[in-house]
PDB file of N, CA and C in Angstrom:
ATOM      1  N   SER A   1     -12.774  14.634   2.500  1.00  0.00           N
ATOM      2  CA  SER A   1     -13.870  13.740   2.869  1.00  0.00           C
ATOM      3  C   SER A   1     -13.333  12.580   3.711  1.00  0.00           C
ATOM      4  N   GLU A   2     -14.234  11.943   4.432  1.00  0.00           N
ATOM      5  CA  GLU A   2     -13.810  10.805   5.268  1.00  0.00           C
ATOM      6  C   GLU A   2     -13.250   9.683   4.402  1.00  0.00           C
ATOM      7  N   GLN A   3     -13.840   9.462   3.235  1.00  0.00           N
ATOM      8  CA  GLN A   3     -13.382   8.387   2.351  1.00  0.00           C
ATOM      9  C   GLN A   3     -11.923   8.616   1.936  1.00  0.00           C
ATOM     10  N   ALA A   4     -11.588   9.826   1.522  1.00  0.00           N
ATOM     11  CA  ALA A   4     -10.216  10.142   1.106  1.00  0.00           C
ATOM     12  C   ALA A   4      -9.248  10.035   2.286  1.00  0.00           C
ATOM     13  N   ARG A   5      -9.695  10.479   3.467  1.00  0.00           N
ATOM     14  CA  ARG A   5      -8.854  10.424   4.666  1.00  0.00           C
ATOM     15  C   ARG A   5      -8.511   8.973   5.018  1.00  0.00           C
ATOM     16  N   VAL A   6      -9.527   8.103   5.014  1.00  0.00           N
ATOM     17  CA  VAL A   6      -9.310   6.693   5.379  1.00  0.00           C
ATOM     18  C   VAL A   6      -8.451   5.996   4.322  1.00  0.00           C
ATOM     19  N   MET A   7      -8.666   6.289   3.037  1.00  0.00           N
ATOM     20  CA  MET A   7      -7.824   5.693   1.979  1.00  0.00           C
ATOM     21  C   MET A   7      -6.364   6.101   2.190  1.00  0.00           C
ATOM     22  N   GLY A   8      -6.141   7.352   2.556  1.00  0.00           N
ATOM     23  CA  GLY A   8      -4.781   7.816   2.837  1.00  0.00           C
ATOM     24  C   GLY A   8      -4.156   7.065   4.003  1.00  0.00           C
ATOM     25  N   LEU A   9      -4.942   6.838   5.064  1.00  0.00           N
ATOM     26  CA  LEU A   9      -4.460   6.092   6.227  1.00  0.00           C
ATOM     27  C   LEU A   9      -4.121   4.649   5.860  1.00  0.00           C
ATOM     28  N   ILE A  10      -4.959   4.033   5.026  1.00  0.00           N
ATOM     29  CA  ILE A  10      -4.715   2.646   4.590  1.00  0.00           C
ATOM     30  C   ILE A  10      -3.414   2.583   3.794  1.00  0.00           C
ATOM     31  N   GLN A  11      -3.249   3.497   2.836  1.00  0.00           N
ATOM     32  CA  GLN A  11      -2.044   3.466   2.007  1.00  0.00           C
ATOM     33  C   GLN A  11      -0.790   3.731   2.839  1.00  0.00           C
ATOM     34  N   GLU A  12      -0.872   4.638   3.815  1.00  0.00           N
ATOM     35  CA  GLU A  12       0.262   4.888   4.710  1.00  0.00           C
ATOM     36  C   GLU A  12       0.632   3.639   5.498  1.00  0.00           C
ATOM     37  N   LYS A  13      -0.381   2.961   6.032  1.00  0.00           N
ATOM     38  CA  LYS A  13      -0.115   1.770   6.861  1.00  0.00           C
ATOM     39  C   LYS A  13       0.490   0.651   6.013  1.00  0.00           C
ATOM     40  N   VAL A  14      -0.013   0.467   4.786  1.00  0.00           N
ATOM     41  CA  VAL A  14       0.558  -0.554   3.901  1.00  0.00           C
ATOM     42  C   VAL A  14       2.002  -0.180   3.553  1.00  0.00           C
ATOM     43  N   ASN A  15       2.251   1.089   3.233  1.00  0.00           N
ATOM     44  CA  ASN A  15       3.623   1.539   2.914  1.00  0.00           C
ATOM     45  C   ASN A  15       4.583   1.266   4.063  1.00  0.00           C
ATOM     46  N   ARG A  16       4.143   1.531   5.306  1.00  0.00           N
ATOM     47  CA  ARG A  16       5.006   1.305   6.480  1.00  0.00           C
ATOM     48  C   ARG A  16       5.364  -0.167   6.647  1.00  0.00           C
ATOM     49  N   ASN A  17       4.514  -1.062   6.178  1.00  0.00           N
ATOM     50  CA  ASN A  17       4.725  -2.503   6.343  1.00  0.00           C
ATOM     51  C   ASN A  17       5.368  -3.155   5.119  1.00  0.00           C
ATOM     52  N   TRP A  18       5.743  -2.323   4.142  1.00  0.00           N
ATOM     53  CA  TRP A  18       6.256  -2.844   2.867  1.00  0.00           C
ATOM     54  C   TRP A  18       7.769  -2.853   2.841  1.00  0.00           C
ATOM     55  N   LEU A  19       8.352  -3.958   2.374  1.00  0.00           N
ATOM     56  CA  LEU A  19       9.793  -4.077   2.169  1.00  0.00           C
ATOM     57  C   LEU A  19      10.033  -4.160   0.665  1.00  0.00           C
ATOM     58  N   ARG A  20      10.717  -3.144   0.105  1.00  0.00           N
ATOM     59  CA  ARG A  20      10.931  -3.090  -1.345  1.00  0.00           C
ATOM     60  C   ARG A  20      11.960  -4.139  -1.780  1.00  0.00           C
ATOM     61  N   PRO A  21      11.566  -5.009  -2.717  1.00  0.00           N
ATOM     62  CA  PRO A  21      12.547  -5.942  -3.277  1.00  0.00           C
ATOM     63  C   PRO A  21      13.570  -5.158  -4.114  1.00  0.00           C
ATOM     64  N   PRO A  22      14.820  -5.618  -4.175  1.00  0.00           N
ATOM     65  CA  PRO A  22      15.831  -4.918  -4.963  1.00  0.00           C
ATOM     66  C   PRO A  22      15.432  -4.831  -6.444  1.00  0.00           C
ATOM     67  N   GLY A  23      15.765  -3.726  -7.055  1.00  0.00           N
ATOM     68  CA  GLY A  23      15.549  -3.569  -8.495  1.00  0.00           C
ATOM     69  C   GLY A  23      14.103  -3.345  -8.900  1.00  0.00           C
ATOM     70  N   THR A  24      13.265  -2.856  -7.994  1.00  0.00           N
ATOM     71  CA  THR A  24      11.843  -2.669  -8.337  1.00  0.00           C
ATOM     72  C   THR A  24      11.426  -1.201  -8.292  1.00  0.00           C
ATOM     73  N   GLU A  25      12.388  -0.294  -8.433  1.00  0.00           N
ATOM     74  CA  GLU A  25      12.061   1.129  -8.435  1.00  0.00           C
ATOM     75  C   GLU A  25      11.136   1.439  -9.609  1.00  0.00           C
ATOM     76  N   GLY A  26      10.186   2.340  -9.377  1.00  0.00           N
ATOM     77  CA  GLY A  26       9.307   2.791 -10.458  1.00  0.00           C
ATOM     78  C   GLY A  26       8.134   1.869 -10.767  1.00  0.00           C
ATOM     79  N   LEU A  27       7.993   0.763 -10.038  1.00  0.00           N
ATOM     80  CA  LEU A  27       6.893  -0.164 -10.314  1.00  0.00           C
ATOM     81  C   LEU A  27       5.667   0.204  -9.490  1.00  0.00           C
ATOM     82  N   LYS A  28       4.500  -0.213  -9.986  1.00  0.00           N
ATOM     83  CA  LYS A  28       3.251  -0.079  -9.232  1.00  0.00           C
ATOM     84  C   LYS A  28       2.323  -1.206  -9.663  1.00  0.00           C
ATOM     85  N   CYS A  29       1.325  -1.492  -8.828  1.00  0.00           N
ATOM     86  CA  CYS A  29       0.355  -2.524  -9.168  1.00  0.00           C
ATOM     87  C   CYS A  29      -0.998  -2.148  -8.571  1.00  0.00           C
ATOM     88  N   THR A  30      -2.039  -2.799  -9.062  1.00  0.00           N
ATOM     89  CA  THR A  30      -3.385  -2.575  -8.538  1.00  0.00           C
ATOM     90  C   THR A  30      -3.742  -3.744  -7.632  1.00  0.00           C
ATOM     91  N   VAL A  31      -4.153  -3.418  -6.415  1.00  0.00           N
ATOM     92  CA  VAL A  31      -4.423  -4.412  -5.379  1.00  0.00           C
ATOM     93  C   VAL A  31      -5.900  -4.389  -5.014  1.00  0.00           C
ATOM     94  N   ARG A  32      -6.479  -5.566  -4.854  1.00  0.00           N
ATOM     95  CA  ARG A  32      -7.848  -5.679  -4.351  1.00  0.00           C
ATOM     96  C   ARG A  32      -7.785  -6.308  -2.972  1.00  0.00           C
ATOM     97  N   VAL A  33      -8.501  -5.693  -2.024  1.00  0.00           N
ATOM     98  CA  VAL A  33      -8.483  -6.168  -0.638  1.00  0.00           C
ATOM     99  C   VAL A  33      -9.913  -6.317  -0.157  1.00  0.00           C
ATOM    100  N   ARG A  34     -10.234  -7.494   0.388  1.00  0.00           N
ATOM    101  CA  ARG A  34     -11.530  -7.707   1.050  1.00  0.00           C
ATOM    102  C   ARG A  34     -11.303  -7.554   2.539  1.00  0.00           C
ATOM    103  N   LEU A  35     -12.165  -6.765   3.182  1.00  0.00           N
ATOM    104  CA  LEU A  35     -12.015  -6.492   4.607  1.00  0.00           C
ATOM    105  C   LEU A  35     -13.241  -6.916   5.397  1.00  0.00           C
ATOM    106  N   GLY A  36     -13.006  -7.330   6.646  1.00  0.00           N
ATOM    107  CA  GLY A  36     -14.105  -7.565   7.574  1.00  0.00           C
ATOM    108  C   GLY A  36     -14.592  -6.214   8.090  1.00  0.00           C
ATOM    109  N   THR A  37     -15.683  -6.200   8.818  1.00  0.00           N
ATOM    110  CA  THR A  37     -16.259  -4.936   9.298  1.00  0.00           C
ATOM    111  C   THR A  37     -15.309  -4.170  10.222  1.00  0.00           C
ATOM    112  N   SER A  38     -14.391  -4.879  10.886  1.00  0.00           N
ATOM    113  CA  SER A  38     -13.446  -4.216  11.797  1.00  0.00           C
ATOM    114  C   SER A  38     -12.148  -3.822  11.096  1.00  0.00           C
ATOM    115  N   GLY A  39     -12.037  -4.084   9.776  1.00  0.00           N
ATOM    116  CA  GLY A  39     -10.820  -3.757   9.037  1.00  0.00           C
ATOM    117  C   GLY A  39      -9.865  -4.924   8.899  1.00  0.00           C
ATOM    118  N   SER A  40     -10.273  -6.105   9.399  1.00  0.00           N
ATOM    119  CA  SER A  40      -9.387  -7.264   9.265  1.00  0.00           C
ATOM    120  C   SER A  40      -9.281  -7.667   7.793  1.00  0.00           C
ATOM    121  N   VAL A  41      -8.067  -8.031   7.367  1.00  0.00           N
ATOM    122  CA  VAL A  41      -7.803  -8.384   5.970  1.00  0.00           C
ATOM    123  C   VAL A  41      -8.239  -9.833   5.749  1.00  0.00           C
ATOM    124  N   LEU A  42      -9.228 -10.032   4.882  1.00  0.00           N
ATOM    125  CA  LEU A  42      -9.740 -11.369   4.599  1.00  0.00           C
ATOM    126  C   LEU A  42      -9.114 -11.945   3.331  1.00  0.00           C
ATOM    127  N   LEU A  43      -8.838 -11.090   2.349  1.00  0.00           N
ATOM    128  CA  LEU A  43      -8.328 -11.552   1.055  1.00  0.00           C
ATOM    129  C   LEU A  43      -7.530 -10.438   0.405  1.00  0.00           C
ATOM    130  N   VAL A  44      -6.404 -10.798  -0.192  1.00  0.00           N
ATOM    131  CA  VAL A  44      -5.589  -9.838  -0.941  1.00  0.00           C
ATOM    132  C   VAL A  44      -5.287 -10.455  -2.288  1.00  0.00           C
ATOM    133  N   SER A  45      -5.515  -9.702  -3.367  1.00  0.00           N
ATOM    134  CA  SER A  45      -5.139 -10.201  -4.687  1.00  0.00           C
ATOM    135  C   SER A  45      -4.630  -9.052  -5.542  1.00  0.00           C
ATOM    136  N   ILE A  46      -3.746  -9.376  -6.455  1.00  0.00           N
ATOM    137  CA  ILE A  46      -3.221  -8.381  -7.395  1.00  0.00           C
ATOM    138  C   ILE A  46      -4.133  -8.389  -8.610  1.00  0.00           C
ATOM    139  N   GLU A  47      -4.783  -7.265  -8.865  1.00  0.00           N
ATOM    140  CA  GLU A  47      -5.709  -7.147  -9.998  1.00  0.00           C
ATOM    141  C   GLU A  47      -4.956  -6.813 -11.280  1.00  0.00           C
ATOM    142  N   GLU A  48      -3.941  -5.954 -11.164  1.00  0.00           N
ATOM    143  CA  GLU A  48      -3.128  -5.598 -12.324  1.00  0.00           C
ATOM    144  C   GLU A  48      -1.673  -5.655 -11.880  1.00  0.00           C
ATOM    145  N   SER A  49      -0.938  -6.609 -12.423  1.00  0.00           N
ATOM    146  CA  SER A  49       0.434  -6.861 -12.004  1.00  0.00           C
ATOM    147  C   SER A  49       1.372  -5.726 -12.419  1.00  0.00           C
ATOM    148  N   SER A  50       2.443  -5.603 -11.655  1.00  0.00           N
ATOM    149  CA  SER A  50       3.505  -4.653 -12.003  1.00  0.00           C
ATOM    150  C   SER A  50       4.385  -5.247 -13.101  1.00  0.00           C
ATOM    151  N   GLY A  51       4.244  -6.553 -13.326  1.00  0.00           N
ATOM    152  CA  GLY A  51       5.117  -7.257 -14.256  1.00  0.00           C
ATOM    153  C   GLY A  51       6.311  -7.891 -13.549  1.00  0.00           C
ATOM    154  N   ASN A  52       6.394  -7.680 -12.218  1.00  0.00           N
ATOM    155  CA  ASN A  52       7.492  -8.220 -11.428  1.00  0.00           C
ATOM    156  C   ASN A  52       6.883  -9.024 -10.268  1.00  0.00           C
ATOM    157  N   VAL A  53       7.090 -10.340 -10.298  1.00  0.00           N
ATOM    158  CA  VAL A  53       6.466 -11.224  -9.309  1.00  0.00           C
ATOM    159  C   VAL A  53       6.901 -10.878  -7.883  1.00  0.00           C
ATOM    160  N   ALA A  54       8.185 -10.583  -7.691  1.00  0.00           N
ATOM    161  CA  ALA A  54       8.691 -10.264  -6.345  1.00  0.00           C
ATOM    162  C   ALA A  54       8.016  -9.000  -5.810  1.00  0.00           C
ATOM    163  N   PHE A  55       7.852  -7.990  -6.658  1.00  0.00           N
ATOM    164  CA  PHE A  55       7.198  -6.744  -6.247  1.00  0.00           C
ATOM    165  C   PHE A  55       5.748  -7.026  -5.852  1.00  0.00           C
ATOM    166  N   ASP A  56       5.018  -7.740  -6.728  1.00  0.00           N
ATOM    167  CA  ASP A  56       3.609  -8.035  -6.449  1.00  0.00           C
ATOM    168  C   ASP A  56       3.455  -8.796  -5.134  1.00  0.00           C
ATOM    169  N   ARG A  57       4.296  -9.798  -4.921  1.00  0.00           N
ATOM    170  CA  ARG A  57       4.222 -10.586  -3.671  1.00  0.00           C
ATOM    171  C   ARG A  57       4.545  -9.728  -2.459  1.00  0.00           C
ATOM    172  N   SER A  58       5.500  -8.797  -2.616  1.00  0.00           N
ATOM    173  CA  SER A  58       5.872  -7.939  -1.484  1.00  0.00           C
ATOM    174  C   SER A  58       4.706  -7.024  -1.101  1.00  0.00           C
ATOM    175  N   VAL A  59       3.929  -6.593  -2.095  1.00  0.00           N
ATOM    176  CA  VAL A  59       2.769  -5.739  -1.818  1.00  0.00           C
ATOM    177  C   VAL A  59       1.690  -6.557  -1.100  1.00  0.00           C
ATOM    178  N   GLU A  60       1.429  -7.776  -1.576  1.00  0.00           N
ATOM    179  CA  GLU A  60       0.453  -8.650  -0.891  1.00  0.00           C
ATOM    180  C   GLU A  60       0.868  -8.859   0.567  1.00  0.00           C
ATOM    181  N   ALA A  61       2.152  -9.127   0.786  1.00  0.00           N
ATOM    182  CA  ALA A  61       2.656  -9.364   2.142  1.00  0.00           C
ATOM    183  C   ALA A  61       2.485  -8.111   3.006  1.00  0.00           C
ATOM    184  N   ALA A  62       2.726  -6.937   2.435  1.00  0.00           N
ATOM    185  CA  ALA A  62       2.594  -5.682   3.184  1.00  0.00           C
ATOM    186  C   ALA A  62       1.148  -5.456   3.619  1.00  0.00           C
ATOM    187  N   VAL A  63       0.196  -5.763   2.740  1.00  0.00           N
ATOM    188  CA  VAL A  63      -1.221  -5.595   3.098  1.00  0.00           C
ATOM    189  C   VAL A  63      -1.568  -6.540   4.248  1.00  0.00           C
ATOM    190  N   ARG A  64      -1.100  -7.790   4.167  1.00  0.00           N
ATOM    191  CA  ARG A  64      -1.382  -8.748   5.243  1.00  0.00           C
ATOM    192  C   ARG A  64      -0.748  -8.311   6.562  1.00  0.00           C
ATOM    193  N   LYS A  65       0.496  -7.777   6.501  1.00  0.00           N
ATOM    194  CA  LYS A  65       1.178  -7.322   7.721  1.00  0.00           C
ATOM    195  C   LYS A  65       0.508  -6.088   8.320  1.00  0.00           C
ATOM    196  N   ALA A  66      -0.174  -5.302   7.493  1.00  0.00           N
ATOM    197  CA  ALA A  66      -0.829  -4.075   7.954  1.00  0.00           C
ATOM    198  C   ALA A  66      -2.175  -4.358   8.629  1.00  0.00           C
ATOM    199  N   ASP A  67      -2.593  -5.618   8.634  1.00  0.00           N
ATOM    200  CA  ASP A  67      -3.864  -6.041   9.236  1.00  0.00           C
ATOM    201  C   ASP A  67      -3.886  -5.701  10.728  1.00  0.00           C
ATOM    202  N   PRO A  68      -4.953  -5.089  11.269  1.00  0.00           N
ATOM    203  CA  PRO A  68      -6.159  -4.628  10.572  1.00  0.00           C
ATOM    204  C   PRO A  68      -5.945  -3.238   9.955  1.00  0.00           C
ATOM    205  N   LEU A  69      -6.670  -2.971   8.889  1.00  0.00           N
ATOM    206  CA  LEU A  69      -6.580  -1.680   8.214  1.00  0.00           C
ATOM    207  C   LEU A  69      -7.596  -0.706   8.807  1.00  0.00           C
ATOM    208  N   PRO A  70      -7.283   0.601   8.741  1.00  0.00           N
ATOM    209  CA  PRO A  70      -8.232   1.604   9.248  1.00  0.00           C
ATOM    210  C   PRO A  70      -9.569   1.515   8.512  1.00  0.00           C
ATOM    211  N   MET A  71     -10.642   1.746   9.238  1.00  0.00           N
ATOM    212  CA  MET A  71     -11.985   1.758   8.645  1.00  0.00           C
ATOM    213  C   MET A  71     -12.653   3.094   8.961  1.00  0.00           C
ATOM    214  N   PRO A  72     -13.582   3.520   8.094  1.00  0.00           N
ATOM    215  CA  PRO A  72     -14.299   4.769   8.367  1.00  0.00           C
ATOM    216  C   PRO A  72     -15.255   4.609   9.551  1.00  0.00           C
ATOM    217  N   GLN A  73     -15.625   5.732  10.159  1.00  0.00           N
ATOM    218  CA  GLN A  73     -16.603   5.719  11.254  1.00  0.00           C
ATOM    219  C   GLN A  73     -18.023   5.584  10.698  1.00  0.00           C
ATOM    220  N   SER A  74     -18.247   6.183   9.542  1.00  0.00           N
ATOM    221  CA  SER A  74     -19.578   6.241   8.933  1.00  0.00           C
ATOM    222  C   SER A  74     -20.053   4.860   8.482  1.00  0.00           C
ATOM    223  N   GLN A  75     -21.215   4.444   8.952  1.00  0.00           N
ATOM    224  CA  GLN A  75     -21.784   3.145   8.569  1.00  0.00           C
ATOM    225  C   GLN A  75     -21.975   3.053   7.055  1.00  0.00           C
ATOM    226  N   ALA A  76     -22.362   4.154   6.435  1.00  0.00           N
ATOM    227  CA  ALA A  76     -22.582   4.157   4.983  1.00  0.00           C
ATOM    228  C   ALA A  76     -21.283   3.876   4.235  1.00  0.00           C
ATOM    229  N   LEU A  77     -20.168   4.368   4.752  1.00  0.00           N
ATOM    230  CA  LEU A  77     -18.881   4.161   4.088  1.00  0.00           C
ATOM    231  C   LEU A  77     -18.288   2.780   4.360  1.00  0.00           C
ATOM    232  N   ILE A  78     -18.601   2.197   5.501  1.00  0.00           N
ATOM    233  CA  ILE A  78     -18.015   0.893   5.847  1.00  0.00           C
ATOM    234  C   ILE A  78     -18.285  -0.128   4.746  1.00  0.00           C
ATOM    235  N   ALA A  79     -19.504  -0.155   4.221  1.00  0.00           N
ATOM    236  CA  ALA A  79     -19.846  -1.105   3.160  1.00  0.00           C
ATOM    237  C   ALA A  79     -18.941  -0.907   1.942  1.00  0.00           C
ATOM    238  N   ARG A  80     -18.626   0.343   1.626  1.00  0.00           N
ATOM    239  CA  ARG A  80     -17.775   0.638   0.475  1.00  0.00           C
ATOM    240  C   ARG A  80     -16.339   0.173   0.698  1.00  0.00           C
ATOM    241  N   PHE A  81     -15.899   0.162   1.942  1.00  0.00           N
ATOM    242  CA  PHE A  81     -14.529  -0.223   2.265  1.00  0.00           C
ATOM    243  C   PHE A  81     -14.354  -1.730   2.448  1.00  0.00           C
ATOM    244  N   ARG A  82     -15.434  -2.493   2.409  1.00  0.00           N
ATOM    245  CA  ARG A  82     -15.323  -3.949   2.594  1.00  0.00           C
ATOM    246  C   ARG A  82     -14.628  -4.609   1.407  1.00  0.00           C
ATOM    247  N   ASP A  83     -14.723  -4.002   0.217  1.00  0.00           N
ATOM    248  CA  ASP A  83     -14.089  -4.539  -0.990  1.00  0.00           C
ATOM    249  C   ASP A  83     -13.387  -3.375  -1.687  1.00  0.00           C
ATOM    250  N   LEU A  84     -12.100  -3.225  -1.418  1.00  0.00           N
ATOM    251  CA  LEU A  84     -11.323  -2.073  -1.878  1.00  0.00           C
ATOM    252  C   LEU A  84     -10.416  -2.442  -3.033  1.00  0.00           C
ATOM    253  N   THR A  85     -10.254  -1.548  -3.972  1.00  0.00           N
ATOM    254  CA  THR A  85      -9.247  -1.691  -5.004  1.00  0.00           C
ATOM    255  C   THR A  85      -8.471  -0.390  -5.050  1.00  0.00           C
ATOM    256  N   PHE A  86      -7.141  -0.482  -4.956  1.00  0.00           N
ATOM    257  CA  PHE A  86      -6.336   0.735  -5.034  1.00  0.00           C
ATOM    258  C   PHE A  86      -5.005   0.445  -5.724  1.00  0.00           C
ATOM    259  N   ILE A  87      -4.385   1.513  -6.211  1.00  0.00           N
ATOM    260  CA  ILE A  87      -3.077   1.388  -6.868  1.00  0.00           C
ATOM    261  C   ILE A  87      -2.001   1.579  -5.813  1.00  0.00           C
ATOM    262  N   PHE A  88      -1.121   0.593  -5.707  1.00  0.00           N
ATOM    263  CA  PHE A  88       0.034   0.704  -4.809  1.00  0.00           C
ATOM    264  C   PHE A  88       1.168   1.269  -5.640  1.00  0.00           C
ATOM    265  N   ASP A  89       1.540   2.520  -5.335  1.00  0.00           N
ATOM    266  CA  ASP A  89       2.595   3.211  -6.071  1.00  0.00           C
ATOM    267  C   ASP A  89       3.505   3.892  -5.061  1.00  0.00           C
ATOM    268  N   PRO A  90       4.616   3.233  -4.683  1.00  0.00           N
ATOM    269  CA  PRO A  90       5.473   3.761  -3.623  1.00  0.00           C
ATOM    270  C   PRO A  90       6.347   4.943  -4.044  1.00  0.00           C
ATOM    271  N   SER A  91       6.318   5.332  -5.294  1.00  0.00           N
ATOM    272  CA  SER A  91       7.207   6.404  -5.751  1.00  0.00           C
ATOM    273  C   SER A  91       6.796   7.766  -5.204  1.00  0.00           C
TER     274      SER A  91
END
């Protein structure tokens, strides 16, 4: 589906912009991202921490560096992508 395709593109782009802090193997966190209609990153917050502040901050920084994020073509889906929550799991 288009939704799954765009989520995959977003996660790939965030991964490409992410710098792993030392000693954070095996960690993951839940990230909430507010987006503008064009995919611009308006707000990033950690909804569920990995328990490691450096890891969480590195994920926030990666989302900001990945700005703008891919958006779906479908008008119906754009509204759903304006407020995204996903698990960042680089493993």
